[in-house]
């Protein structure tokens, strides 16, 4: 059975563009996989704990030697990795906050990097490769080539490196200038913002072909 892992991370609630994009993608996936299963995780409203001393120490000793605190941290890491292992497709909503990813996404990635779970403890070979990893990104401003802030989007630049040890390879679909309609200083960019969003929506609709289509 096909399995989707749908992850949101925006703290903007119903105003969030990345949430709208992941919801659209999830519906497209369900249409293409009507018998598929979906696991949902909301890092925006229910973030996982950041990696701390207990998390680090839990990775340096056998589970039977864990303290209760370390055991709890390791159990969470196992749960997060197993959610990825169970999925054929992963959708991640990735808004840009202060020119980087939400800290909740960084915490999620940090938990995924675990020897024996996502990386072979002896060979260091990645264990999560071969999955479709679609990232629905949103950026309030413009960060493309030739813009004043070209290169300031450190979220999209970081994520492929952040998950590289696991074998996951993200594919990005991005809507930018999302603040144009609410920021008077960006009013002249509204047409470009609408085009960017429409392009992202078209890219989402082209991701999967419904079962039986074209037969």
N, C-alpha and C. Protein backbone atom coordinates (compact mmCIF):
# COMPACT_ATOMS: atom_id res chain seq x y z
N UNK A 1 0.84 -1.20 0.00
CA UNK A 1 0.00 0.00 0.00
C UNK A 1 0.87 1.25 0.00
N UNK A 2 0.56 2.20 -0.88
CA UNK A 2 1.29 3.46 -0.92
C UNK A 2 1.07 4.22 0.39
N UNK A 3 2.11 4.92 0.83
CA UNK A 3 2.03 5.61 2.12
C UNK A 3 2.65 7.00 1.99
N UNK A 4 1.91 8.00 2.44
CA UNK A 4 2.35 9.39 2.39
C UNK A 4 2.63 9.89 3.80
N UNK A 5 3.78 10.56 3.96
CA UNK A 5 4.08 11.29 5.18
C UNK A 5 3.96 12.78 4.87
N UNK A 6 2.98 13.43 5.47
CA UNK A 6 2.66 14.83 5.21
C UNK A 6 3.08 15.64 6.44
N UNK A 7 4.02 16.57 6.24
CA UNK A 7 4.57 17.35 7.35
C UNK A 7 4.39 18.84 7.07
N UNK A 8 3.80 19.55 8.01
CA UNK A 8 3.73 21.01 7.96
C UNK A 8 4.63 21.59 9.05
N UNK A 9 5.10 22.82 8.82
CA UNK A 9 5.96 23.45 9.83
C UNK A 9 5.65 24.92 10.04
N UNK A 10 4.76 25.48 9.23
CA UNK A 10 4.45 26.90 9.37
C UNK A 10 3.75 27.20 10.68
N UNK A 11 4.02 28.38 11.23
CA UNK A 11 3.34 28.84 12.45
C UNK A 11 2.26 29.87 12.10
N UNK A 12 1.93 29.99 10.82
CA UNK A 12 0.99 31.02 10.37
C UNK A 12 -0.46 30.53 10.29
N UNK A 13 -0.72 29.30 10.63
CA UNK A 13 -2.10 28.81 10.60
C UNK A 13 -2.73 28.90 9.22
N UNK A 14 -3.98 29.36 9.16
CA UNK A 14 -4.71 29.41 7.89
C UNK A 14 -4.13 30.42 6.91
N UNK A 15 -3.28 31.33 7.39
CA UNK A 15 -2.66 32.30 6.49
C UNK A 15 -1.46 31.71 5.74
N UNK A 16 -1.04 30.54 6.14
CA UNK A 16 0.18 29.95 5.61
C UNK A 16 0.04 29.51 4.15
N UNK A 17 0.96 29.96 3.32
CA UNK A 17 1.00 29.52 1.93
C UNK A 17 1.57 28.11 1.84
N UNK A 18 2.60 27.81 2.63
CA UNK A 18 3.18 26.46 2.55
C UNK A 18 2.15 25.41 2.97
N UNK A 19 1.30 25.73 3.95
CA UNK A 19 0.25 24.77 4.34
C UNK A 19 -0.76 24.58 3.22
N UNK A 20 -1.10 25.64 2.53
CA UNK A 20 -2.03 25.52 1.40
C UNK A 20 -1.41 24.64 0.30
N UNK A 21 -0.11 24.79 0.09
CA UNK A 21 0.55 24.00 -0.95
C UNK A 21 0.65 22.53 -0.55
N UNK A 22 0.99 22.25 0.70
CA UNK A 22 1.07 20.84 1.11
C UNK A 22 -0.31 20.20 1.10
N UNK A 23 -1.34 20.96 1.47
CA UNK A 23 -2.70 20.41 1.44
C UNK A 23 -3.11 20.07 0.01
N UNK A 24 -2.75 20.96 -0.91
CA UNK A 24 -3.07 20.71 -2.32
C UNK A 24 -2.33 19.48 -2.83
N UNK A 25 -1.04 19.37 -2.45
CA UNK A 25 -0.26 18.22 -2.86
C UNK A 25 -0.78 16.93 -2.25
N UNK A 26 -1.18 16.98 -0.99
CA UNK A 26 -1.71 15.79 -0.34
C UNK A 26 -2.99 15.32 -1.03
N UNK A 27 -3.85 16.26 -1.42
CA UNK A 27 -5.08 15.88 -2.12
C UNK A 27 -4.76 15.28 -3.48
N UNK A 28 -3.78 15.85 -4.19
CA UNK A 28 -3.37 15.29 -5.48
C UNK A 28 -2.83 13.88 -5.30
N UNK A 29 -2.05 13.68 -4.24
CA UNK A 29 -1.50 12.34 -3.97
C UNK A 29 -2.62 11.35 -3.67
N UNK A 30 -3.60 11.77 -2.86
CA UNK A 30 -4.70 10.88 -2.51
C UNK A 30 -5.52 10.51 -3.74
N UNK A 31 -5.68 11.46 -4.64
CA UNK A 31 -6.41 11.16 -5.88
C UNK A 31 -5.68 10.12 -6.70
N UNK A 32 -4.35 10.23 -6.72
CA UNK A 32 -3.55 9.28 -7.48
C UNK A 32 -3.39 7.95 -6.76
N UNK A 33 -3.59 7.95 -5.44
CA UNK A 33 -3.42 6.72 -4.65
C UNK A 33 -4.65 6.57 -3.73
N UNK A 34 -5.81 6.26 -4.29
CA UNK A 34 -7.05 6.26 -3.50
C UNK A 34 -7.05 5.25 -2.35
N UNK A 35 -6.19 4.26 -2.40
CA UNK A 35 -6.14 3.26 -1.32
C UNK A 35 -4.92 3.50 -0.42
N UNK A 36 -4.23 4.61 -0.63
CA UNK A 36 -3.03 4.87 0.13
C UNK A 36 -3.30 5.31 1.56
N UNK A 37 -2.29 5.21 2.39
CA UNK A 37 -2.38 5.63 3.78
C UNK A 37 -1.60 6.93 3.96
N UNK A 38 -2.04 7.74 4.93
CA UNK A 38 -1.42 9.04 5.18
C UNK A 38 -1.07 9.17 6.66
N UNK A 39 0.15 9.59 6.93
CA UNK A 39 0.57 9.98 8.28
C UNK A 39 0.82 11.47 8.27
N UNK A 40 0.27 12.18 9.24
CA UNK A 40 0.41 13.64 9.29
C UNK A 40 1.16 14.05 10.54
N UNK A 41 2.10 14.97 10.37
CA UNK A 41 2.83 15.54 11.50
C UNK A 41 2.87 17.06 11.33
N UNK A 42 2.51 17.78 12.39
CA UNK A 42 2.49 19.24 12.36
C UNK A 42 3.59 19.78 13.28
N UNK A 43 4.72 20.11 12.70
CA UNK A 43 5.84 20.65 13.47
C UNK A 43 5.59 22.09 13.91
N UNK A 44 4.64 22.75 13.28
CA UNK A 44 4.34 24.13 13.65
C UNK A 44 3.59 24.21 14.97
N UNK A 45 2.59 23.35 15.14
CA UNK A 45 1.79 23.38 16.37
C UNK A 45 2.27 22.37 17.40
N UNK A 46 3.02 21.36 16.97
CA UNK A 46 3.51 20.34 17.89
C UNK A 46 4.96 20.00 17.55
N UNK A 47 5.88 20.93 17.79
CA UNK A 47 7.28 20.71 17.39
C UNK A 47 7.94 19.61 18.21
N UNK A 48 8.87 18.92 17.58
CA UNK A 48 9.64 17.92 18.33
C UNK A 48 10.72 18.65 19.11
N UNK A 49 11.17 18.09 20.22
CA UNK A 49 12.21 18.76 21.01
C UNK A 49 13.51 18.89 20.22
N UNK A 50 14.20 19.97 20.45
CA UNK A 50 15.51 20.12 19.84
C UNK A 50 16.48 19.12 20.44
N UNK A 51 17.47 18.75 19.64
CA UNK A 51 18.50 17.83 20.13
C UNK A 51 19.22 18.46 21.31
N UNK A 52 19.30 17.70 22.41
CA UNK A 52 19.93 18.21 23.62
C UNK A 52 20.92 17.17 24.14
N UNK A 53 21.39 17.36 25.37
CA UNK A 53 22.38 16.45 25.93
C UNK A 53 21.86 15.02 25.99
N UNK A 54 20.61 14.86 26.42
CA UNK A 54 20.04 13.51 26.51
C UNK A 54 20.00 12.85 25.14
N UNK A 55 19.62 13.62 24.12
CA UNK A 55 19.54 13.08 22.77
C UNK A 55 20.91 12.63 22.31
N UNK A 56 21.91 13.48 22.53
CA UNK A 56 23.26 13.16 22.08
C UNK A 56 23.81 11.94 22.79
N UNK A 57 23.64 11.89 24.11
CA UNK A 57 24.18 10.76 24.87
C UNK A 57 23.48 9.46 24.52
N UNK A 58 22.20 9.55 24.18
CA UNK A 58 21.44 8.34 23.83
C UNK A 58 22.00 7.69 22.57
N UNK A 59 22.66 8.47 21.72
CA UNK A 59 23.22 7.95 20.48
C UNK A 59 24.63 7.38 20.67
N UNK A 60 25.17 7.53 21.86
CA UNK A 60 26.54 7.12 22.11
C UNK A 60 26.65 5.85 22.95
N UNK A 61 25.52 5.24 23.28
CA UNK A 61 25.56 4.05 24.13
C UNK A 61 24.43 3.11 23.74
N UNK A 62 24.56 1.83 24.08
CA UNK A 62 23.51 0.86 23.76
C UNK A 62 22.21 1.22 24.47
N UNK A 63 21.07 0.92 23.87
CA UNK A 63 19.78 1.25 24.47
C UNK A 63 19.60 0.71 25.88
N UNK A 64 20.18 -0.47 26.17
CA UNK A 64 20.00 -1.04 27.50
C UNK A 64 20.71 -0.23 28.59
N UNK A 65 21.58 0.70 28.18
CA UNK A 65 22.27 1.54 29.15
C UNK A 65 21.64 2.92 29.28
N UNK A 66 20.56 3.18 28.56
CA UNK A 66 19.93 4.49 28.58
C UNK A 66 19.30 4.79 29.95
N UNK A 67 19.41 6.05 30.35
CA UNK A 67 18.61 6.54 31.46
C UNK A 67 17.18 6.71 30.96
N UNK A 68 16.20 6.86 31.86
CA UNK A 68 14.83 7.10 31.39
C UNK A 68 14.73 8.29 30.43
N UNK A 69 15.46 9.37 30.70
CA UNK A 69 15.42 10.54 29.83
C UNK A 69 16.01 10.22 28.46
N UNK A 70 17.12 9.51 28.46
CA UNK A 70 17.74 9.13 27.19
C UNK A 70 16.85 8.15 26.41
N UNK A 71 16.22 7.24 27.12
CA UNK A 71 15.33 6.27 26.46
C UNK A 71 14.15 6.99 25.80
N UNK A 72 13.63 8.00 26.47
CA UNK A 72 12.51 8.75 25.91
C UNK A 72 12.94 9.49 24.64
N UNK A 73 14.13 10.09 24.68
CA UNK A 73 14.63 10.81 23.52
C UNK A 73 14.89 9.85 22.35
N UNK A 74 15.49 8.71 22.64
CA UNK A 74 15.78 7.74 21.60
C UNK A 74 14.50 7.18 20.99
N UNK A 75 13.49 6.98 21.82
CA UNK A 75 12.21 6.48 21.32
C UNK A 75 11.59 7.46 20.33
N UNK A 76 11.72 8.76 20.61
CA UNK A 76 11.20 9.76 19.68
C UNK A 76 11.96 9.71 18.37
N UNK A 77 13.27 9.61 18.44
CA UNK A 77 14.07 9.52 17.22
C UNK A 77 13.66 8.31 16.40
N UNK A 78 13.47 7.17 17.07
CA UNK A 78 13.04 5.96 16.36
C UNK A 78 11.68 6.19 15.69
N UNK A 79 10.77 6.84 16.40
CA UNK A 79 9.43 7.08 15.86
C UNK A 79 9.50 7.97 14.61
N UNK A 80 10.32 9.01 14.66
CA UNK A 80 10.43 9.92 13.53
C UNK A 80 11.07 9.24 12.33
N UNK A 81 12.12 8.46 12.57
CA UNK A 81 12.76 7.73 11.47
C UNK A 81 11.81 6.70 10.90
N UNK A 82 11.08 6.00 11.75
CA UNK A 82 10.15 4.98 11.26
C UNK A 82 9.01 5.58 10.45
N UNK A 83 8.60 6.81 10.77
CA UNK A 83 7.59 7.47 9.94
C UNK A 83 8.10 7.65 8.52
N UNK A 84 9.37 8.01 8.40
CA UNK A 84 9.97 8.17 7.07
C UNK A 84 10.11 6.81 6.39
N UNK A 85 10.57 5.81 7.13
CA UNK A 85 10.75 4.48 6.55
C UNK A 85 9.44 3.91 6.03
N UNK A 86 8.33 4.23 6.68
CA UNK A 86 7.03 3.69 6.28
C UNK A 86 6.49 4.37 5.03
N UNK A 87 7.05 5.52 4.68
CA UNK A 87 6.49 6.34 3.60
C UNK A 87 7.18 6.08 2.27
N UNK A 88 6.38 6.09 1.20
CA UNK A 88 6.92 6.10 -0.16
C UNK A 88 7.16 7.53 -0.61
N UNK A 89 6.30 8.43 -0.12
CA UNK A 89 6.37 9.85 -0.48
C UNK A 89 6.32 10.69 0.78
N UNK A 90 7.16 11.72 0.82
CA UNK A 90 7.18 12.66 1.94
C UNK A 90 6.89 14.05 1.39
N UNK A 91 5.94 14.73 2.00
CA UNK A 91 5.65 16.13 1.69
C UNK A 91 6.07 16.96 2.88
N UNK A 92 6.88 17.98 2.64
CA UNK A 92 7.31 18.86 3.72
C UNK A 92 7.02 20.31 3.35
N UNK A 93 6.24 20.99 4.17
CA UNK A 93 6.03 22.42 4.00
C UNK A 93 7.18 23.18 4.64
N UNK A 94 7.82 24.05 3.86
CA UNK A 94 9.03 24.72 4.33
C UNK A 94 8.95 26.23 4.10
N UNK A 95 8.37 26.98 5.03
CA UNK A 95 8.42 28.44 4.91
C UNK A 95 9.82 28.95 5.25
N UNK A 96 10.11 30.15 4.80
CA UNK A 96 11.40 30.77 5.08
C UNK A 96 11.23 31.75 6.22
N UNK A 97 11.94 31.50 7.32
CA UNK A 97 11.88 32.37 8.50
C UNK A 97 13.26 32.97 8.76
N UNK A 98 13.34 34.30 8.71
CA UNK A 98 14.61 34.97 8.98
C UNK A 98 15.74 34.39 8.13
N UNK A 99 15.39 34.11 6.87
CA UNK A 99 16.34 33.65 5.85
C UNK A 99 16.81 32.21 6.06
N UNK A 100 16.13 31.46 6.92
CA UNK A 100 16.48 30.07 7.15
C UNK A 100 15.25 29.23 7.37
N UNK A 101 15.42 27.94 7.63
CA UNK A 101 14.27 27.06 7.86
C UNK A 101 13.70 27.29 9.25
N UNK A 102 12.44 26.94 9.49
CA UNK A 102 11.92 26.95 10.85
C UNK A 102 12.80 26.07 11.74
N UNK A 103 13.00 26.50 12.97
CA UNK A 103 13.83 25.69 13.87
C UNK A 103 13.24 24.31 14.09
N UNK A 104 11.92 24.19 13.96
CA UNK A 104 11.28 22.89 14.14
C UNK A 104 11.70 21.90 13.05
N UNK A 105 11.94 22.41 11.84
CA UNK A 105 12.41 21.54 10.75
C UNK A 105 13.85 21.12 11.02
N UNK A 106 14.67 22.05 11.50
CA UNK A 106 16.05 21.70 11.85
C UNK A 106 16.06 20.61 12.92
N UNK A 107 15.17 20.73 13.93
CA UNK A 107 15.10 19.72 14.98
C UNK A 107 14.68 18.37 14.41
N UNK A 108 13.71 18.37 13.51
CA UNK A 108 13.24 17.13 12.87
C UNK A 108 14.39 16.47 12.11
N UNK A 109 15.13 17.25 11.34
CA UNK A 109 16.26 16.71 10.60
C UNK A 109 17.32 16.17 11.55
N UNK A 110 17.61 16.90 12.62
CA UNK A 110 18.62 16.44 13.57
C UNK A 110 18.25 15.09 14.17
N UNK A 111 16.95 14.88 14.44
CA UNK A 111 16.52 13.58 14.96
C UNK A 111 16.67 12.48 13.90
N UNK A 112 16.53 12.83 12.63
CA UNK A 112 16.63 11.81 11.58
C UNK A 112 18.04 11.28 11.42
N UNK A 113 19.04 12.07 11.79
CA UNK A 113 20.43 11.63 11.62
C UNK A 113 20.80 10.77 12.81
N UNK A 114 20.64 9.47 12.66
CA UNK A 114 20.86 8.55 13.78
C UNK A 114 21.50 7.26 13.27
N UNK A 115 22.71 7.00 13.73
CA UNK A 115 23.41 5.78 13.33
C UNK A 115 22.62 4.55 13.78
N UNK A 116 22.49 3.60 12.88
CA UNK A 116 21.74 2.39 13.17
C UNK A 116 20.28 2.48 12.78
N UNK A 117 19.78 3.70 12.56
CA UNK A 117 18.39 3.90 12.17
C UNK A 117 18.27 4.44 10.75
N UNK A 118 18.91 5.56 10.48
CA UNK A 118 18.86 6.17 9.15
C UNK A 118 20.19 6.08 8.41
N UNK A 119 21.24 5.75 9.16
CA UNK A 119 22.59 5.61 8.60
C UNK A 119 23.18 4.33 9.16
N UNK A 120 23.74 3.49 8.29
CA UNK A 120 24.34 2.25 8.77
C UNK A 120 25.47 2.55 9.74
N UNK A 121 25.42 1.95 10.91
CA UNK A 121 26.38 2.28 11.95
C UNK A 121 27.81 1.89 11.59
N UNK A 122 27.98 0.90 10.72
CA UNK A 122 29.33 0.45 10.37
C UNK A 122 29.81 1.02 9.05
N UNK A 123 28.98 0.94 8.02
CA UNK A 123 29.40 1.37 6.68
C UNK A 123 29.13 2.84 6.42
N UNK A 124 28.28 3.47 7.24
CA UNK A 124 27.83 4.86 7.07
C UNK A 124 27.00 5.04 5.81
N UNK A 125 26.48 3.96 5.28
CA UNK A 125 25.61 4.05 4.11
C UNK A 125 24.24 4.57 4.53
N UNK A 126 23.63 5.42 3.69
CA UNK A 126 22.29 5.94 4.02
C UNK A 126 21.24 4.85 3.92
N UNK A 127 20.23 4.93 4.78
CA UNK A 127 19.20 3.90 4.85
C UNK A 127 17.81 4.40 4.47
N UNK A 128 17.68 5.69 4.13
CA UNK A 128 16.35 6.24 3.82
C UNK A 128 16.20 6.64 2.35
N UNK A 129 17.14 6.28 1.53
CA UNK A 129 17.07 6.66 0.12
C UNK A 129 15.96 5.95 -0.62
N UNK A 130 15.69 6.40 -1.84
CA UNK A 130 14.70 5.77 -2.70
C UNK A 130 13.28 6.24 -2.48
N UNK A 131 13.10 7.24 -1.61
CA UNK A 131 11.77 7.79 -1.36
C UNK A 131 11.60 9.11 -2.10
N UNK A 132 10.36 9.39 -2.46
CA UNK A 132 10.03 10.68 -3.08
C UNK A 132 9.90 11.72 -1.97
N UNK A 133 10.69 12.77 -2.05
CA UNK A 133 10.71 13.79 -1.01
C UNK A 133 10.42 15.14 -1.67
N UNK A 134 9.16 15.58 -1.54
CA UNK A 134 8.71 16.82 -2.17
C UNK A 134 8.65 17.91 -1.11
N UNK A 135 9.34 19.01 -1.35
CA UNK A 135 9.35 20.13 -0.41
C UNK A 135 8.56 21.29 -1.01
N UNK A 136 7.49 21.70 -0.33
CA UNK A 136 6.67 22.82 -0.76
C UNK A 136 7.14 24.04 0.01
N UNK A 137 7.92 24.88 -0.64
CA UNK A 137 8.57 26.00 0.02
C UNK A 137 7.83 27.30 -0.27
N UNK A 138 7.86 28.21 0.70
CA UNK A 138 7.26 29.53 0.50
C UNK A 138 8.23 30.58 1.02
N UNK A 139 8.31 31.70 0.28
CA UNK A 139 9.22 32.78 0.64
C UNK A 139 8.47 34.10 0.51
N UNK A 140 8.51 34.89 1.56
CA UNK A 140 7.77 36.14 1.56
C UNK A 140 8.28 37.14 0.55
N UNK A 141 9.57 37.13 0.28
CA UNK A 141 10.18 38.04 -0.68
C UNK A 141 10.68 37.32 -1.90
N UNK A 142 11.52 38.02 -2.66
CA UNK A 142 12.12 37.44 -3.85
C UNK A 142 13.61 37.19 -3.62
N UNK A 143 14.05 35.98 -3.92
CA UNK A 143 15.44 35.61 -3.66
C UNK A 143 16.11 35.01 -4.89
N UNK A 144 15.51 35.24 -6.05
CA UNK A 144 16.03 34.65 -7.28
C UNK A 144 17.27 35.35 -7.81
N UNK A 145 17.78 34.79 -8.87
CA UNK A 145 18.99 35.33 -9.49
C UNK A 145 18.77 36.78 -9.92
N UNK A 146 19.69 37.63 -9.55
CA UNK A 146 19.62 39.04 -9.94
C UNK A 146 18.86 39.93 -8.97
N UNK A 147 18.20 39.34 -7.95
CA UNK A 147 17.49 40.15 -6.97
C UNK A 147 18.46 40.63 -5.89
N UNK A 148 18.09 41.69 -5.17
CA UNK A 148 19.00 42.19 -4.13
C UNK A 148 19.34 41.15 -3.06
N UNK A 149 18.44 40.20 -2.84
CA UNK A 149 18.69 39.20 -1.81
C UNK A 149 18.95 37.81 -2.40
N UNK A 150 19.51 37.78 -3.58
CA UNK A 150 19.93 36.52 -4.16
C UNK A 150 20.90 35.82 -3.20
N UNK A 151 20.64 34.55 -2.93
CA UNK A 151 21.51 33.79 -2.05
C UNK A 151 21.17 33.88 -0.57
N UNK A 152 20.13 34.66 -0.24
CA UNK A 152 19.76 34.82 1.17
C UNK A 152 18.83 33.71 1.66
N UNK A 153 18.31 32.90 0.76
CA UNK A 153 17.45 31.79 1.17
C UNK A 153 18.35 30.63 1.59
N UNK A 154 18.59 30.53 2.89
CA UNK A 154 19.47 29.48 3.39
C UNK A 154 18.73 28.20 3.73
N UNK A 155 17.40 28.22 3.64
CA UNK A 155 16.62 27.01 3.91
C UNK A 155 16.76 26.03 2.75
N UNK A 156 16.51 26.50 1.54
CA UNK A 156 16.59 25.61 0.38
C UNK A 156 18.02 25.15 0.14
N UNK A 157 18.99 26.00 0.43
CA UNK A 157 20.39 25.61 0.25
C UNK A 157 20.82 24.57 1.29
N UNK A 158 20.25 24.67 2.49
CA UNK A 158 20.67 23.80 3.59
C UNK A 158 20.06 22.42 3.55
N UNK A 159 18.77 22.31 3.25
CA UNK A 159 18.06 21.05 3.44
C UNK A 159 18.69 19.86 2.71
N UNK A 160 19.09 19.97 1.42
CA UNK A 160 19.70 18.80 0.77
C UNK A 160 20.94 18.32 1.51
N UNK A 161 21.72 19.26 2.05
CA UNK A 161 22.90 18.87 2.81
C UNK A 161 22.50 18.29 4.16
N UNK A 162 21.47 18.87 4.78
CA UNK A 162 21.03 18.43 6.10
C UNK A 162 20.59 16.97 6.13
N UNK A 163 19.93 16.52 5.05
CA UNK A 163 19.42 15.14 5.03
C UNK A 163 20.30 14.21 4.20
N UNK A 164 21.42 14.70 3.70
CA UNK A 164 22.24 13.92 2.77
C UNK A 164 22.69 12.59 3.36
N UNK A 165 23.04 12.58 4.64
CA UNK A 165 23.54 11.34 5.26
C UNK A 165 22.48 10.24 5.25
N UNK A 166 21.21 10.62 5.18
CA UNK A 166 20.13 9.63 5.23
C UNK A 166 19.80 9.06 3.87
N UNK A 167 20.22 9.73 2.80
CA UNK A 167 19.88 9.31 1.45
C UNK A 167 18.66 10.00 0.88
N UNK A 168 17.96 10.81 1.67
CA UNK A 168 16.81 11.56 1.16
C UNK A 168 17.30 12.66 0.22
N UNK A 169 16.58 12.87 -0.88
CA UNK A 169 16.94 13.88 -1.86
C UNK A 169 15.72 14.76 -2.15
N UNK A 170 15.66 15.95 -1.57
CA UNK A 170 14.47 16.78 -1.74
C UNK A 170 14.33 17.38 -3.13
N UNK A 171 13.09 17.46 -3.57
CA UNK A 171 12.73 18.20 -4.79
C UNK A 171 11.89 19.38 -4.35
N UNK A 172 12.26 20.58 -4.78
CA UNK A 172 11.60 21.79 -4.31
C UNK A 172 10.58 22.32 -5.31
N UNK A 173 9.42 22.69 -4.78
CA UNK A 173 8.43 23.48 -5.51
C UNK A 173 8.20 24.72 -4.66
N UNK A 174 8.48 25.90 -5.21
CA UNK A 174 8.55 27.11 -4.40
C UNK A 174 7.61 28.20 -4.90
N UNK A 175 6.91 28.81 -3.97
CA UNK A 175 6.13 30.02 -4.25
C UNK A 175 6.80 31.16 -3.50
N UNK A 176 7.12 32.25 -4.21
CA UNK A 176 7.78 33.36 -3.53
C UNK A 176 6.98 34.65 -3.67
N UNK A 177 7.46 35.68 -3.01
CA UNK A 177 6.78 36.98 -2.97
C UNK A 177 5.41 36.86 -2.30
N UNK A 178 5.29 35.95 -1.36
CA UNK A 178 3.99 35.67 -0.77
C UNK A 178 3.47 36.81 0.11
N UNK A 179 4.34 37.77 0.45
CA UNK A 179 3.90 38.92 1.25
C UNK A 179 3.45 40.10 0.40
N UNK A 180 3.47 39.93 -0.90
CA UNK A 180 3.18 41.06 -1.79
C UNK A 180 1.79 41.65 -1.55
N UNK A 181 0.80 40.81 -1.29
CA UNK A 181 -0.57 41.30 -1.16
C UNK A 181 -0.85 41.91 0.21
N UNK A 182 0.03 41.72 1.17
CA UNK A 182 -0.19 42.28 2.50
C UNK A 182 0.81 43.36 2.86
N UNK A 183 1.86 43.50 2.09
CA UNK A 183 2.89 44.51 2.34
C UNK A 183 2.78 45.61 1.29
N UNK A 184 2.31 46.81 1.66
CA UNK A 184 2.13 47.89 0.67
C UNK A 184 3.39 48.19 -0.12
N UNK A 185 4.53 48.02 0.49
CA UNK A 185 5.79 48.32 -0.21
C UNK A 185 6.05 47.34 -1.35
N UNK A 186 5.33 46.21 -1.35
CA UNK A 186 5.53 45.19 -2.38
C UNK A 186 4.38 45.13 -3.37
N UNK A 187 3.50 46.12 -3.34
CA UNK A 187 2.28 46.07 -4.14
C UNK A 187 2.55 45.84 -5.62
N UNK A 188 3.60 46.45 -6.13
CA UNK A 188 3.88 46.32 -7.57
C UNK A 188 4.32 44.91 -7.95
N UNK A 189 4.62 44.09 -6.93
CA UNK A 189 5.08 42.72 -7.19
C UNK A 189 3.93 41.70 -7.14
N UNK A 190 2.72 42.17 -6.90
CA UNK A 190 1.58 41.25 -6.80
C UNK A 190 1.43 40.37 -8.04
N UNK A 191 1.53 40.91 -9.27
CA UNK A 191 1.42 40.03 -10.45
C UNK A 191 2.47 38.91 -10.45
N UNK A 192 3.70 39.24 -10.06
CA UNK A 192 4.75 38.23 -10.02
C UNK A 192 4.46 37.20 -8.93
N UNK A 193 3.91 37.67 -7.81
CA UNK A 193 3.55 36.75 -6.73
C UNK A 193 2.47 35.77 -7.18
N UNK A 194 1.46 36.27 -7.86
CA UNK A 194 0.39 35.42 -8.35
C UNK A 194 0.90 34.40 -9.36
N UNK A 195 1.82 34.83 -10.22
CA UNK A 195 2.39 33.90 -11.20
C UNK A 195 3.22 32.82 -10.50
N UNK A 196 3.99 33.22 -9.49
CA UNK A 196 4.80 32.24 -8.77
C UNK A 196 3.92 31.20 -8.10
N UNK A 197 2.84 31.64 -7.46
CA UNK A 197 1.93 30.71 -6.80
C UNK A 197 1.25 29.80 -7.82
N UNK A 198 0.82 30.36 -8.94
CA UNK A 198 0.16 29.56 -9.98
C UNK A 198 1.13 28.53 -10.55
N UNK A 199 2.38 28.92 -10.75
CA UNK A 199 3.39 27.98 -11.25
C UNK A 199 3.60 26.83 -10.27
N UNK A 200 3.63 27.16 -8.97
CA UNK A 200 3.79 26.12 -7.95
C UNK A 200 2.60 25.16 -7.96
N UNK A 201 1.40 25.71 -8.08
CA UNK A 201 0.20 24.88 -8.09
C UNK A 201 0.18 23.96 -9.31
N UNK A 202 0.61 24.47 -10.46
CA UNK A 202 0.68 23.62 -11.66
C UNK A 202 1.70 22.51 -11.48
N UNK A 203 2.83 22.83 -10.87
CA UNK A 203 3.85 21.81 -10.64
C UNK A 203 3.33 20.72 -9.72
N UNK A 204 2.53 21.10 -8.74
CA UNK A 204 1.94 20.12 -7.82
C UNK A 204 0.99 19.20 -8.57
N UNK A 205 0.13 19.78 -9.40
CA UNK A 205 -0.85 18.98 -10.12
C UNK A 205 -0.20 18.01 -11.10
N UNK A 206 1.03 18.29 -11.49
CA UNK A 206 1.73 17.41 -12.43
C UNK A 206 2.55 16.33 -11.75
N UNK A 207 2.52 16.27 -10.41
CA UNK A 207 3.38 15.33 -9.70
C UNK A 207 2.98 13.88 -9.90
N UNK A 208 1.67 13.59 -9.86
CA UNK A 208 1.23 12.20 -9.89
C UNK A 208 0.07 12.05 -10.88
N UNK A 209 0.03 10.87 -11.49
CA UNK A 209 -1.06 10.55 -12.40
C UNK A 209 -2.04 9.63 -11.68
N UNK A 210 -3.32 9.98 -11.64
CA UNK A 210 -4.29 9.11 -10.95
C UNK A 210 -4.29 7.70 -11.53
N UNK A 211 -4.54 6.74 -10.67
CA UNK A 211 -4.59 5.34 -11.09
C UNK A 211 -5.63 5.19 -12.18
N UNK A 212 -5.25 4.57 -13.30
CA UNK A 212 -6.17 4.34 -14.40
C UNK A 212 -6.21 5.45 -15.42
N UNK A 213 -5.59 6.60 -15.12
CA UNK A 213 -5.60 7.72 -16.07
C UNK A 213 -4.80 7.35 -17.31
N UNK A 214 -5.35 7.68 -18.43
CA UNK A 214 -4.66 7.43 -19.69
C UNK A 214 -4.72 6.01 -20.17
N UNK A 215 -5.43 5.14 -19.42
CA UNK A 215 -5.51 3.75 -19.82
C UNK A 215 -6.43 3.56 -21.00
